[in-house]
mmCIF file of all heavy atoms, coordinates in Angstrom:
data_MODEL
# 
_entry.id   MODEL 
# 
loop_
_atom_site.group_PDB 
_atom_site.id 
_atom_site.type_symbol 
_atom_site.label_atom_id 
_atom_site.label_alt_id 
_atom_site.label_comp_id 
_atom_site.label_asym_id 
_atom_site.label_entity_id 
_atom_site.label_seq_id 
_atom_site.pdbx_PDB_ins_code 
_atom_site.Cartn_x 
_atom_site.Cartn_y 
_atom_site.Cartn_z 
_atom_site.occupancy 
_atom_site.B_iso_or_equiv 
_atom_site.pdbx_formal_charge 
_atom_site.auth_seq_id 
_atom_site.auth_comp_id 
_atom_site.auth_asym_id 
_atom_site.auth_atom_id 
_atom_site.pdbx_PDB_model_num 
ATOM 1   N N   . LEU A 1 1  ? 16.834 -0.283  30.305 1.00 0.00 ? 1  LEU A N   1 
ATOM 2   C CA  . LEU A 1 1  ? 16.210 -1.657  30.102 1.00 0.00 ? 1  LEU A CA  1 
ATOM 3   C C   . LEU A 1 1  ? 16.754 -2.343  28.869 1.00 0.00 ? 1  LEU A C   1 
ATOM 4   O O   . LEU A 1 1  ? 17.136 -3.580  28.943 1.00 0.00 ? 1  LEU A O   1 
ATOM 5   C CB  . LEU A 1 1  ? 14.675 -1.507  30.029 1.00 0.00 ? 1  LEU A CB  1 
ATOM 6   C CG  . LEU A 1 1  ? 13.992 -1.104  31.291 1.00 0.00 ? 1  LEU A CG  1 
ATOM 7   C CD1 . LEU A 1 1  ? 12.543 -0.995  31.102 1.00 0.00 ? 1  LEU A CD1 1 
ATOM 8   C CD2 . LEU A 1 1  ? 14.294 -2.142  32.364 1.00 0.00 ? 1  LEU A CD2 1 
ATOM 9   N N   . PRO A 1 2  ? 16.905 -1.647  27.715 1.00 0.00 ? 2  PRO A N   1 
ATOM 10  C CA  . PRO A 1 2  ? 17.536 -2.339  26.600 1.00 0.00 ? 2  PRO A CA  1 
ATOM 11  C C   . PRO A 1 2  ? 19.048 -2.737  26.792 1.00 0.00 ? 2  PRO A C   1 
ATOM 12  O O   . PRO A 1 2  ? 19.510 -3.765  26.391 1.00 0.00 ? 2  PRO A O   1 
ATOM 13  C CB  . PRO A 1 2  ? 17.557 -1.316  25.382 1.00 0.00 ? 2  PRO A CB  1 
ATOM 14  C CG  . PRO A 1 2  ? 16.312 -0.534  25.757 1.00 0.00 ? 2  PRO A CG  1 
ATOM 15  C CD  . PRO A 1 2  ? 16.298 -0.346  27.249 1.00 0.00 ? 2  PRO A CD  1 
ATOM 16  N N   . PHE A 1 3  ? 19.745 -1.921  27.577 1.00 0.00 ? 3  PHE A N   1 
ATOM 17  C CA  . PHE A 1 3  ? 21.046 -2.182  27.958 1.00 0.00 ? 3  PHE A CA  1 
ATOM 18  C C   . PHE A 1 3  ? 21.188 -3.563  28.875 1.00 0.00 ? 3  PHE A C   1 
ATOM 19  O O   . PHE A 1 3  ? 21.954 -4.380  28.531 1.00 0.00 ? 3  PHE A O   1 
ATOM 20  C CB  . PHE A 1 3  ? 21.715 -1.060  28.762 1.00 0.00 ? 3  PHE A CB  1 
ATOM 21  C CG  . PHE A 1 3  ? 23.149 -1.305  29.239 1.00 0.00 ? 3  PHE A CG  1 
ATOM 22  C CD1 . PHE A 1 3  ? 24.150 -1.321  28.325 1.00 0.00 ? 3  PHE A CD1 1 
ATOM 23  C CD2 . PHE A 1 3  ? 23.457 -1.531  30.574 1.00 0.00 ? 3  PHE A CD2 1 
ATOM 24  C CE1 . PHE A 1 3  ? 25.493 -1.602  28.749 1.00 0.00 ? 3  PHE A CE1 1 
ATOM 25  C CE2 . PHE A 1 3  ? 24.729 -1.798  30.945 1.00 0.00 ? 3  PHE A CE2 1 
ATOM 26  C CZ  . PHE A 1 3  ? 25.694 -1.792  30.037 1.00 0.00 ? 3  PHE A CZ  1 
ATOM 27  N N   . LEU A 1 4  ? 20.295 -3.647  29.763 1.00 0.00 ? 4  LEU A N   1 
ATOM 28  C CA  . LEU A 1 4  ? 20.272 -4.891  30.551 1.00 0.00 ? 4  LEU A CA  1 
ATOM 29  C C   . LEU A 1 4  ? 19.749 -6.044  29.758 1.00 0.00 ? 4  LEU A C   1 
ATOM 30  O O   . LEU A 1 4  ? 20.328 -7.183  29.939 1.00 0.00 ? 4  LEU A O   1 
ATOM 31  C CB  . LEU A 1 4  ? 19.365 -4.669  31.762 1.00 0.00 ? 4  LEU A CB  1 
ATOM 32  C CG  . LEU A 1 4  ? 19.799 -3.627  32.820 1.00 0.00 ? 4  LEU A CG  1 
ATOM 33  C CD1 . LEU A 1 4  ? 18.710 -3.431  33.912 1.00 0.00 ? 4  LEU A CD1 1 
ATOM 34  C CD2 . LEU A 1 4  ? 21.205 -3.990  33.391 1.00 0.00 ? 4  LEU A CD2 1 
ATOM 35  N N   . GLY A 1 5  ? 18.872 -5.713  28.827 1.00 0.00 ? 5  GLY A N   1 
ATOM 36  C CA  . GLY A 1 5  ? 18.355 -6.801  27.869 1.00 0.00 ? 5  GLY A CA  1 
ATOM 37  C C   . GLY A 1 5  ? 19.492 -7.288  26.927 1.00 0.00 ? 5  GLY A C   1 
ATOM 38  O O   . GLY A 1 5  ? 19.421 -8.486  26.562 1.00 0.00 ? 5  GLY A O   1 
ATOM 39  N N   . ALA A 1 6  ? 20.345 -6.338  26.625 1.00 0.00 ? 6  ALA A N   1 
ATOM 40  C CA  . ALA A 1 6  ? 21.421 -6.829  25.708 1.00 0.00 ? 6  ALA A CA  1 
ATOM 41  C C   . ALA A 1 6  ? 22.325 -7.759  26.449 1.00 0.00 ? 6  ALA A C   1 
ATOM 42  O O   . ALA A 1 6  ? 22.843 -8.816  25.810 1.00 0.00 ? 6  ALA A O   1 
ATOM 43  C CB  . ALA A 1 6  ? 22.224 -5.491  25.264 1.00 0.00 ? 6  ALA A CB  1 
ATOM 44  N N   . TRP A 1 7  ? 22.709 -7.476  27.699 1.00 0.00 ? 7  TRP A N   1 
ATOM 45  C CA  . TRP A 1 7  ? 23.562 -8.447  28.429 1.00 0.00 ? 7  TRP A CA  1 
ATOM 46  C C   . TRP A 1 7  ? 22.790 -9.762  28.714 1.00 0.00 ? 7  TRP A C   1 
ATOM 47  O O   . TRP A 1 7  ? 23.392 -10.807 28.608 1.00 0.00 ? 7  TRP A O   1 
ATOM 48  C CB  . TRP A 1 7  ? 23.926 -7.808  29.770 1.00 0.00 ? 7  TRP A CB  1 
ATOM 49  C CG  . TRP A 1 7  ? 25.042 -6.890  29.655 1.00 0.00 ? 7  TRP A CG  1 
ATOM 50  C CD1 . TRP A 1 7  ? 25.028 -5.582  29.304 1.00 0.00 ? 7  TRP A CD1 1 
ATOM 51  C CD2 . TRP A 1 7  ? 26.492 -7.221  29.655 1.00 0.00 ? 7  TRP A CD2 1 
ATOM 52  N NE1 . TRP A 1 7  ? 26.324 -5.136  29.240 1.00 0.00 ? 7  TRP A NE1 1 
ATOM 53  C CE2 . TRP A 1 7  ? 27.278 -6.073  29.421 1.00 0.00 ? 7  TRP A CE2 1 
ATOM 54  C CE3 . TRP A 1 7  ? 27.113 -8.501  29.854 1.00 0.00 ? 7  TRP A CE3 1 
ATOM 55  C CZ2 . TRP A 1 7  ? 28.595 -6.050  29.343 1.00 0.00 ? 7  TRP A CZ2 1 
ATOM 56  C CZ3 . TRP A 1 7  ? 28.472 -8.477  29.803 1.00 0.00 ? 7  TRP A CZ3 1 
ATOM 57  C CH2 . TRP A 1 7  ? 29.198 -7.232  29.551 1.00 0.00 ? 7  TRP A CH2 1 
ATOM 58  N N   . TRP A 1 8  ? 21.412 -9.695  28.948 1.00 0.00 ? 8  TRP A N   1 
ATOM 59  C CA  . TRP A 1 8  ? 20.689 -10.889 29.162 1.00 0.00 ? 8  TRP A CA  1 
ATOM 60  C C   . TRP A 1 8  ? 20.711 -11.750 27.902 1.00 0.00 ? 8  TRP A C   1 
ATOM 61  O O   . TRP A 1 8  ? 20.785 -12.984 27.949 1.00 0.00 ? 8  TRP A O   1 
ATOM 62  C CB  . TRP A 1 8  ? 19.309 -10.586 29.619 1.00 0.00 ? 8  TRP A CB  1 
ATOM 63  C CG  . TRP A 1 8  ? 18.403 -11.761 29.878 1.00 0.00 ? 8  TRP A CG  1 
ATOM 64  C CD1 . TRP A 1 8  ? 17.499 -12.271 29.005 1.00 0.00 ? 8  TRP A CD1 1 
ATOM 65  C CD2 . TRP A 1 8  ? 18.473 -12.629 30.907 1.00 0.00 ? 8  TRP A CD2 1 
ATOM 66  N NE1 . TRP A 1 8  ? 16.907 -13.486 29.481 1.00 0.00 ? 8  TRP A NE1 1 
ATOM 67  C CE2 . TRP A 1 8  ? 17.611 -13.712 30.702 1.00 0.00 ? 8  TRP A CE2 1 
ATOM 68  C CE3 . TRP A 1 8  ? 19.233 -12.688 32.091 1.00 0.00 ? 8  TRP A CE3 1 
ATOM 69  C CZ2 . TRP A 1 8  ? 17.364 -14.701 31.581 1.00 0.00 ? 8  TRP A CZ2 1 
ATOM 70  C CZ3 . TRP A 1 8  ? 19.062 -13.750 32.977 1.00 0.00 ? 8  TRP A CZ3 1 
ATOM 71  C CH2 . TRP A 1 8  ? 18.202 -14.729 32.743 1.00 0.00 ? 8  TRP A CH2 1 
ATOM 72  N N   . ALA A 1 9  ? 20.455 -11.108 26.757 1.00 0.00 ? 9  ALA A N   1 
ATOM 73  C CA  . ALA A 1 9  ? 20.446 -11.811 25.447 1.00 0.00 ? 9  ALA A CA  1 
ATOM 74  C C   . ALA A 1 9  ? 21.783 -12.508 25.155 1.00 0.00 ? 9  ALA A C   1 
ATOM 75  O O   . ALA A 1 9  ? 21.791 -13.610 24.669 1.00 0.00 ? 9  ALA A O   1 
ATOM 76  C CB  . ALA A 1 9  ? 19.960 -10.878 24.320 1.00 0.00 ? 9  ALA A CB  1 
ATOM 77  N N   . PHE A 1 10 ? 22.859 -11.716 25.495 1.00 0.00 ? 10 PHE A N   1 
ATOM 78  C CA  . PHE A 1 10 ? 24.149 -12.301 25.268 1.00 0.00 ? 10 PHE A CA  1 
ATOM 79  C C   . PHE A 1 10 ? 24.298 -13.651 26.089 1.00 0.00 ? 10 PHE A C   1 
ATOM 80  O O   . PHE A 1 10 ? 24.898 -14.605 25.711 1.00 0.00 ? 10 PHE A O   1 
ATOM 81  C CB  . PHE A 1 10 ? 25.289 -11.244 25.602 1.00 0.00 ? 10 PHE A CB  1 
ATOM 82  C CG  . PHE A 1 10 ? 26.608 -11.782 25.248 1.00 0.00 ? 10 PHE A CG  1 
ATOM 83  C CD1 . PHE A 1 10 ? 27.102 -11.815 23.983 1.00 0.00 ? 10 PHE A CD1 1 
ATOM 84  C CD2 . PHE A 1 10 ? 27.383 -12.214 26.315 1.00 0.00 ? 10 PHE A CD2 1 
ATOM 85  C CE1 . PHE A 1 10 ? 28.382 -12.243 23.761 1.00 0.00 ? 10 PHE A CE1 1 
ATOM 86  C CE2 . PHE A 1 10 ? 28.714 -12.683 26.028 1.00 0.00 ? 10 PHE A CE2 1 
ATOM 87  C CZ  . PHE A 1 10 ? 29.178 -12.657 24.764 1.00 0.00 ? 10 PHE A CZ  1 
ATOM 88  N N   . LYS A 1 11 ? 23.886 -13.510 27.376 1.00 0.00 ? 11 LYS A N   1 
ATOM 89  C CA  . LYS A 1 11 ? 23.937 -14.677 28.277 1.00 0.00 ? 11 LYS A CA  1 
ATOM 90  C C   . LYS A 1 11 ? 23.233 -15.833 27.756 1.00 0.00 ? 11 LYS A C   1 
ATOM 91  O O   . LYS A 1 11 ? 23.612 -16.932 27.842 1.00 0.00 ? 11 LYS A O   1 
ATOM 92  C CB  . LYS A 1 11 ? 23.405 -14.199 29.594 1.00 0.00 ? 11 LYS A CB  1 
ATOM 93  C CG  . LYS A 1 11 ? 23.461 -15.361 30.656 1.00 0.00 ? 11 LYS A CG  1 
ATOM 94  C CD  . LYS A 1 11 ? 22.867 -14.842 31.998 1.00 0.00 ? 11 LYS A CD  1 
ATOM 95  C CE  . LYS A 1 11 ? 22.721 -16.036 32.893 1.00 0.00 ? 11 LYS A CE  1 
ATOM 96  N NZ  . LYS A 1 11 ? 21.967 -15.649 34.043 1.00 0.00 ? 11 LYS A NZ  1 
ATOM 97  N N   . GLN A 1 12 ? 22.071 -15.560 27.103 1.00 0.00 ? 12 GLN A N   1 
ATOM 98  C CA  . GLN A 1 12 ? 21.238 -16.655 26.507 1.00 0.00 ? 12 GLN A CA  1 
ATOM 99  C C   . GLN A 1 12 ? 21.750 -17.076 25.041 1.00 0.00 ? 12 GLN A C   1 
ATOM 100 O O   . GLN A 1 12 ? 21.075 -17.832 24.481 1.00 0.00 ? 12 GLN A O   1 
ATOM 101 C CB  . GLN A 1 12 ? 19.809 -16.129 26.381 1.00 0.00 ? 12 GLN A CB  1 
ATOM 102 C CG  . GLN A 1 12 ? 19.149 -15.809 27.726 1.00 0.00 ? 12 GLN A CG  1 
ATOM 103 C CD  . GLN A 1 12 ? 19.125 -17.039 28.673 1.00 0.00 ? 12 GLN A CD  1 
ATOM 104 O OE1 . GLN A 1 12 ? 18.718 -18.155 28.194 1.00 0.00 ? 12 GLN A OE1 1 
ATOM 105 N NE2 . GLN A 1 12 ? 19.415 -16.803 29.884 1.00 0.00 ? 12 GLN A NE2 1 
ATOM 106 N N   . MET A 1 13 ? 22.848 -16.486 24.669 1.00 0.00 ? 13 MET A N   1 
ATOM 107 C CA  . MET A 1 13 ? 23.320 -16.710 23.333 1.00 0.00 ? 13 MET A CA  1 
ATOM 108 C C   . MET A 1 13 ? 22.553 -16.257 22.166 1.00 0.00 ? 13 MET A C   1 
ATOM 109 O O   . MET A 1 13 ? 22.588 -16.835 21.106 1.00 0.00 ? 13 MET A O   1 
ATOM 110 C CB  . MET A 1 13 ? 23.805 -18.125 23.143 1.00 0.00 ? 13 MET A CB  1 
ATOM 111 C CG  . MET A 1 13 ? 24.959 -18.626 24.044 1.00 0.00 ? 13 MET A CG  1 
ATOM 112 S SD  . MET A 1 13 ? 25.611 -20.180 23.375 1.00 0.00 ? 13 MET A SD  1 
ATOM 113 C CE  . MET A 1 13 ? 25.934 -21.058 24.953 1.00 0.00 ? 13 MET A CE  1 
ATOM 114 N N   . ASP A 1 14 ? 21.689 -15.252 22.368 1.00 0.00 ? 14 ASP A N   1 
ATOM 115 C CA  . ASP A 1 14 ? 20.930 -14.659 21.314 1.00 0.00 ? 14 ASP A CA  1 
ATOM 116 C C   . ASP A 1 14 ? 21.665 -13.434 20.808 1.00 0.00 ? 14 ASP A C   1 
ATOM 117 O O   . ASP A 1 14 ? 21.369 -12.338 21.284 1.00 0.00 ? 14 ASP A O   1 
ATOM 118 C CB  . ASP A 1 14 ? 19.572 -14.330 21.797 1.00 0.00 ? 14 ASP A CB  1 
ATOM 119 C CG  . ASP A 1 14 ? 18.620 -13.801 20.794 1.00 0.00 ? 14 ASP A CG  1 
ATOM 120 O OD1 . ASP A 1 14 ? 19.048 -13.845 19.631 1.00 0.00 ? 14 ASP A OD1 1 
ATOM 121 O OD2 . ASP A 1 14 ? 17.439 -13.345 21.027 1.00 0.00 ? 14 ASP A OD2 1 
ATOM 122 N N   . TYR A 1 15 ? 22.688 -13.632 19.984 1.00 0.00 ? 15 TYR A N   1 
ATOM 123 C CA  . TYR A 1 15 ? 23.618 -12.614 19.670 1.00 0.00 ? 15 TYR A CA  1 
ATOM 124 C C   . TYR A 1 15 ? 23.007 -11.507 18.854 1.00 0.00 ? 15 TYR A C   1 
ATOM 125 O O   . TYR A 1 15 ? 23.312 -10.406 19.079 1.00 0.00 ? 15 TYR A O   1 
ATOM 126 C CB  . TYR A 1 15 ? 24.747 -13.259 18.901 1.00 0.00 ? 15 TYR A CB  1 
ATOM 127 C CG  . TYR A 1 15 ? 25.547 -14.196 19.736 1.00 0.00 ? 15 TYR A CG  1 
ATOM 128 C CD1 . TYR A 1 15 ? 25.951 -15.551 19.206 1.00 0.00 ? 15 TYR A CD1 1 
ATOM 129 C CD2 . TYR A 1 15 ? 25.880 -13.977 21.107 1.00 0.00 ? 15 TYR A CD2 1 
ATOM 130 C CE1 . TYR A 1 15 ? 26.519 -16.433 20.012 1.00 0.00 ? 15 TYR A CE1 1 
ATOM 131 C CE2 . TYR A 1 15 ? 26.559 -14.881 21.874 1.00 0.00 ? 15 TYR A CE2 1 
ATOM 132 C CZ  . TYR A 1 15 ? 26.926 -16.132 21.291 1.00 0.00 ? 15 TYR A CZ  1 
ATOM 133 O OH  . TYR A 1 15 ? 27.526 -17.098 22.088 1.00 0.00 ? 15 TYR A OH  1 
ATOM 134 N N   . GLY A 1 16 ? 22.100 -11.838 18.006 1.00 0.00 ? 16 GLY A N   1 
ATOM 135 C CA  . GLY A 1 16 ? 21.453 -10.737 17.164 1.00 0.00 ? 16 GLY A CA  1 
ATOM 136 C C   . GLY A 1 16 ? 20.669 -9.827  18.023 1.00 0.00 ? 16 GLY A C   1 
ATOM 137 O O   . GLY A 1 16 ? 20.739 -8.534  17.845 1.00 0.00 ? 16 GLY A O   1 
ATOM 138 N N   . SER A 1 17 ? 19.910 -10.382 18.937 1.00 0.00 ? 17 SER A N   1 
ATOM 139 C CA  . SER A 1 17 ? 19.107 -9.575  19.836 1.00 0.00 ? 17 SER A CA  1 
ATOM 140 C C   . SER A 1 17 ? 19.958 -8.745  20.747 1.00 0.00 ? 17 SER A C   1 
ATOM 141 O O   . SER A 1 17 ? 19.728 -7.570  21.055 1.00 0.00 ? 17 SER A O   1 
ATOM 142 C CB  . SER A 1 17 ? 18.146 -10.401 20.621 1.00 0.00 ? 17 SER A CB  1 
ATOM 143 O OG  . SER A 1 17 ? 17.436 -9.629  21.575 1.00 0.00 ? 17 SER A OG  1 
ATOM 144 N N   . SER A 1 18 ? 21.134 -9.335  21.163 1.00 0.00 ? 18 SER A N   1 
ATOM 145 C CA  . SER A 1 18 ? 22.082 -8.588  22.041 1.00 0.00 ? 18 SER A CA  1 
ATOM 146 C C   . SER A 1 18 ? 22.663 -7.379  21.319 1.00 0.00 ? 18 SER A C   1 
ATOM 147 O O   . SER A 1 18 ? 22.688 -6.260  21.917 1.00 0.00 ? 18 SER A O   1 
ATOM 148 C CB  . SER A 1 18 ? 23.207 -9.586  22.491 1.00 0.00 ? 18 SER A CB  1 
ATOM 149 O OG  . SER A 1 18 ? 24.186 -8.881  23.116 1.00 0.00 ? 18 SER A OG  1 
ATOM 150 N N   . ILE A 1 19 ? 22.949 -7.505  20.057 1.00 0.00 ? 19 ILE A N   1 
ATOM 151 C CA  . ILE A 1 19 ? 23.497 -6.414  19.335 1.00 0.00 ? 19 ILE A CA  1 
ATOM 152 C C   . ILE A 1 19 ? 22.463 -5.358  19.093 1.00 0.00 ? 19 ILE A C   1 
ATOM 153 O O   . ILE A 1 19 ? 22.769 -4.123  19.340 1.00 0.00 ? 19 ILE A O   1 
ATOM 154 C CB  . ILE A 1 19 ? 24.069 -6.847  17.991 1.00 0.00 ? 19 ILE A CB  1 
ATOM 155 C CG1 . ILE A 1 19 ? 25.409 -7.745  18.256 1.00 0.00 ? 19 ILE A CG1 1 
ATOM 156 C CG2 . ILE A 1 19 ? 24.498 -5.700  17.042 1.00 0.00 ? 19 ILE A CG2 1 
ATOM 157 C CD1 . ILE A 1 19 ? 25.908 -8.515  16.978 1.00 0.00 ? 19 ILE A CD1 1 
ATOM 158 N N   . ARG A 1 20 ? 21.293 -5.771  18.670 1.00 0.00 ? 20 ARG A N   1 
ATOM 159 C CA  . ARG A 1 20 ? 20.209 -4.730  18.496 1.00 0.00 ? 20 ARG A CA  1 
ATOM 160 C C   . ARG A 1 20 ? 19.907 -3.986  19.722 1.00 0.00 ? 20 ARG A C   1 
ATOM 161 O O   . ARG A 1 20 ? 19.771 -2.717  19.730 1.00 0.00 ? 20 ARG A O   1 
ATOM 162 C CB  . ARG A 1 20 ? 18.935 -5.445  18.017 1.00 0.00 ? 20 ARG A CB  1 
ATOM 163 C CG  . ARG A 1 20 ? 18.863 -5.596  16.546 1.00 0.00 ? 20 ARG A CG  1 
ATOM 164 C CD  . ARG A 1 20 ? 17.476 -6.033  16.093 1.00 0.00 ? 20 ARG A CD  1 
ATOM 165 N NE  . ARG A 1 20 ? 16.913 -7.221  16.883 1.00 0.00 ? 20 ARG A NE  1 
ATOM 166 C CZ  . ARG A 1 20 ? 17.115 -8.501  16.769 1.00 0.00 ? 20 ARG A CZ  1 
ATOM 167 N NH1 . ARG A 1 20 ? 17.943 -8.856  15.754 1.00 0.00 ? 20 ARG A NH1 1 
ATOM 168 N NH2 . ARG A 1 20 ? 16.503 -9.424  17.475 1.00 0.00 ? 20 ARG A NH2 1 
ATOM 169 N N   . ARG A 1 21 ? 19.694 -4.644  20.880 1.00 0.00 ? 21 ARG A N   1 
ATOM 170 C CA  . ARG A 1 21 ? 19.370 -3.986  22.057 1.00 0.00 ? 21 ARG A CA  1 
ATOM 171 C C   . ARG A 1 21 ? 20.441 -3.153  22.566 1.00 0.00 ? 21 ARG A C   1 
ATOM 172 O O   . ARG A 1 21 ? 20.230 -2.043  23.207 1.00 0.00 ? 21 ARG A O   1 
ATOM 173 C CB  . ARG A 1 21 ? 19.024 -5.034  23.182 1.00 0.00 ? 21 ARG A CB  1 
ATOM 174 C CG  . ARG A 1 21 ? 17.674 -5.685  22.992 1.00 0.00 ? 21 ARG A CG  1 
ATOM 175 C CD  . ARG A 1 21 ? 17.364 -6.748  23.932 1.00 0.00 ? 21 ARG A CD  1 
ATOM 176 N NE  . ARG A 1 21 ? 16.261 -7.407  23.590 1.00 0.00 ? 21 ARG A NE  1 
ATOM 177 C CZ  . ARG A 1 21 ? 15.648 -8.335  24.464 1.00 0.00 ? 21 ARG A CZ  1 
ATOM 178 N NH1 . ARG A 1 21 ? 16.311 -8.657  25.593 1.00 0.00 ? 21 ARG A NH1 1 
ATOM 179 N NH2 . ARG A 1 21 ? 14.489 -8.914  24.084 1.00 0.00 ? 21 ARG A NH2 1 
ATOM 180 N N   . GLY A 1 22 ? 21.701 -3.486  22.372 1.00 0.00 ? 22 GLY A N   1 
ATOM 181 C CA  . GLY A 1 22 ? 22.851 -2.664  22.723 1.00 0.00 ? 22 GLY A CA  1 
ATOM 182 C C   . GLY A 1 22 ? 22.933 -1.428  22.011 1.00 0.00 ? 22 GLY A C   1 
ATOM 183 O O   . GLY A 1 22 ? 23.237 -0.344  22.532 1.00 0.00 ? 22 GLY A O   1 
ATOM 184 N N   . ILE A 1 23 ? 22.712 -1.497  20.632 1.00 0.00 ? 23 ILE A N   1 
ATOM 185 C CA  . ILE A 1 23 ? 22.721 -0.323  19.782 1.00 0.00 ? 23 ILE A CA  1 
ATOM 186 C C   . ILE A 1 23 ? 21.556 0.592   20.276 1.00 0.00 ? 23 ILE A C   1 
ATOM 187 O O   . ILE A 1 23 ? 21.672 1.839   20.360 1.00 0.00 ? 23 ILE A O   1 
ATOM 188 C CB  . ILE A 1 23 ? 22.594 -0.622  18.312 1.00 0.00 ? 23 ILE A CB  1 
ATOM 189 C CG1 . ILE A 1 23 ? 23.921 -1.352  17.905 1.00 0.00 ? 23 ILE A CG1 1 
ATOM 190 C CG2 . ILE A 1 23 ? 22.335 0.557   17.524 1.00 0.00 ? 23 ILE A CG2 1 
ATOM 191 C CD1 . ILE A 1 23 ? 23.933 -1.868  16.512 1.00 0.00 ? 23 ILE A CD1 1 
ATOM 192 N N   . PHE A 1 24 ? 20.340 0.068   20.441 1.00 0.00 ? 24 PHE A N   1 
ATOM 193 C CA  . PHE A 1 24 ? 19.247 0.909   20.858 1.00 0.00 ? 24 PHE A CA  1 
ATOM 194 C C   . PHE A 1 24 ? 19.496 1.562   22.212 1.00 0.00 ? 24 PHE A C   1 
ATOM 195 O O   . PHE A 1 24 ? 18.975 2.726   22.308 1.00 0.00 ? 24 PHE A O   1 
ATOM 196 C CB  . PHE A 1 24 ? 17.929 -0.063  21.002 1.00 0.00 ? 24 PHE A CB  1 
ATOM 197 C CG  . PHE A 1 24 ? 16.728 0.787   21.106 1.00 0.00 ? 24 PHE A CG  1 
ATOM 198 C CD1 . PHE A 1 24 ? 16.199 1.557   20.105 1.00 0.00 ? 24 PHE A CD1 1 
ATOM 199 C CD2 . PHE A 1 24 ? 16.011 0.766   22.390 1.00 0.00 ? 24 PHE A CD2 1 
ATOM 200 C CE1 . PHE A 1 24 ? 15.040 2.290   20.313 1.00 0.00 ? 24 PHE A CE1 1 
ATOM 201 C CE2 . PHE A 1 24 ? 14.939 1.419   22.550 1.00 0.00 ? 24 PHE A CE2 1 
ATOM 202 C CZ  . PHE A 1 24 ? 14.451 2.251   21.579 1.00 0.00 ? 24 PHE A CZ  1 
ATOM 203 N N   . SER A 1 25 ? 20.202 0.943   23.180 1.00 0.00 ? 25 SER A N   1 
ATOM 204 C CA  . SER A 1 25 ? 20.369 1.602   24.476 1.00 0.00 ? 25 SER A CA  1 
ATOM 205 C C   . SER A 1 25 ? 21.197 2.888   24.368 1.00 0.00 ? 25 SER A C   1 
ATOM 206 O O   . SER A 1 25 ? 20.836 3.840   24.984 1.00 0.00 ? 25 SER A O   1 
ATOM 207 C CB  . SER A 1 25 ? 21.166 0.591   25.420 1.00 0.00 ? 25 SER A CB  1 
ATOM 208 O OG  . SER A 1 25 ? 22.485 0.350   24.982 1.00 0.00 ? 25 SER A OG  1 
ATOM 209 N N   . TRP A 1 26 ? 22.250 2.927   23.500 1.00 0.00 ? 26 TRP A N   1 
ATOM 210 C CA  . TRP A 1 26 ? 23.021 4.190   23.382 1.00 0.00 ? 26 TRP A CA  1 
ATOM 211 C C   . TRP A 1 26 ? 22.383 5.118   22.358 1.00 0.00 ? 26 TRP A C   1 
ATOM 212 O O   . TRP A 1 26 ? 22.709 6.330   22.313 1.00 0.00 ? 26 TRP A O   1 
ATOM 213 C CB  . TRP A 1 26 ? 24.413 4.017   23.279 1.00 0.00 ? 26 TRP A CB  1 
ATOM 214 C CG  . TRP A 1 26 ? 24.903 3.269   22.108 1.00 0.00 ? 26 TRP A CG  1 
ATOM 215 C CD1 . TRP A 1 26 ? 25.227 1.898   22.020 1.00 0.00 ? 26 TRP A CD1 1 
ATOM 216 C CD2 . TRP A 1 26 ? 25.124 3.781   20.795 1.00 0.00 ? 26 TRP A CD2 1 
ATOM 217 N NE1 . TRP A 1 26 ? 25.671 1.560   20.757 1.00 0.00 ? 26 TRP A NE1 1 
ATOM 218 C CE2 . TRP A 1 26 ? 25.534 2.661   19.937 1.00 0.00 ? 26 TRP A CE2 1 
ATOM 219 C CE3 . TRP A 1 26 ? 24.997 5.004   20.124 1.00 0.00 ? 26 TRP A CE3 1 
ATOM 220 C CZ2 . TRP A 1 26 ? 25.916 2.868   18.595 1.00 0.00 ? 26 TRP A CZ2 1 
ATOM 221 C CZ3 . TRP A 1 26 ? 25.324 5.196   18.739 1.00 0.00 ? 26 TRP A CZ3 1 
ATOM 222 C CH2 . TRP A 1 26 ? 25.752 4.089   18.014 1.00 0.00 ? 26 TRP A CH2 1 
ATOM 223 N N   . PHE A 1 27 ? 21.589 4.619   21.435 1.00 0.00 ? 27 PHE A N   1 
ATOM 224 C CA  . PHE A 1 27 ? 20.959 5.435   20.412 1.00 0.00 ? 27 PHE A CA  1 
ATOM 225 C C   . PHE A 1 27 ? 19.978 6.432   21.049 1.00 0.00 ? 27 PHE A C   1 
ATOM 226 O O   . PHE A 1 27 ? 19.911 7.523   20.612 1.00 0.00 ? 27 PHE A O   1 
ATOM 227 C CB  . PHE A 1 27 ? 20.255 4.561   19.375 1.00 0.00 ? 27 PHE A CB  1 
ATOM 228 C CG  . PHE A 1 27 ? 19.736 5.310   18.266 1.00 0.00 ? 27 PHE A CG  1 
ATOM 229 C CD1 . PHE A 1 27 ? 20.593 5.895   17.209 1.00 0.00 ? 27 PHE A CD1 1 
ATOM 230 C CD2 . PHE A 1 27 ? 18.409 5.579   18.051 1.00 0.00 ? 27 PHE A CD2 1 
ATOM 231 C CE1 . PHE A 1 27 ? 20.127 6.601   16.236 1.00 0.00 ? 27 PHE A CE1 1 
ATOM 232 C CE2 . PHE A 1 27 ? 17.919 6.302   16.989 1.00 0.00 ? 27 PHE A CE2 1 
ATOM 233 C CZ  . PHE A 1 27 ? 18.818 6.775   16.083 1.00 0.00 ? 27 PHE A CZ  1 
# 
C-alpha cells in the first residue's frame, strides 16, 4: 500500500510524500 501510495503521490506532484512512502515501503 505505501508503494502504490508513493507512485500516486508522485503522480499528484506531492514529492515529499512520495519519497516518504517509498522509503517506508521497503523499510
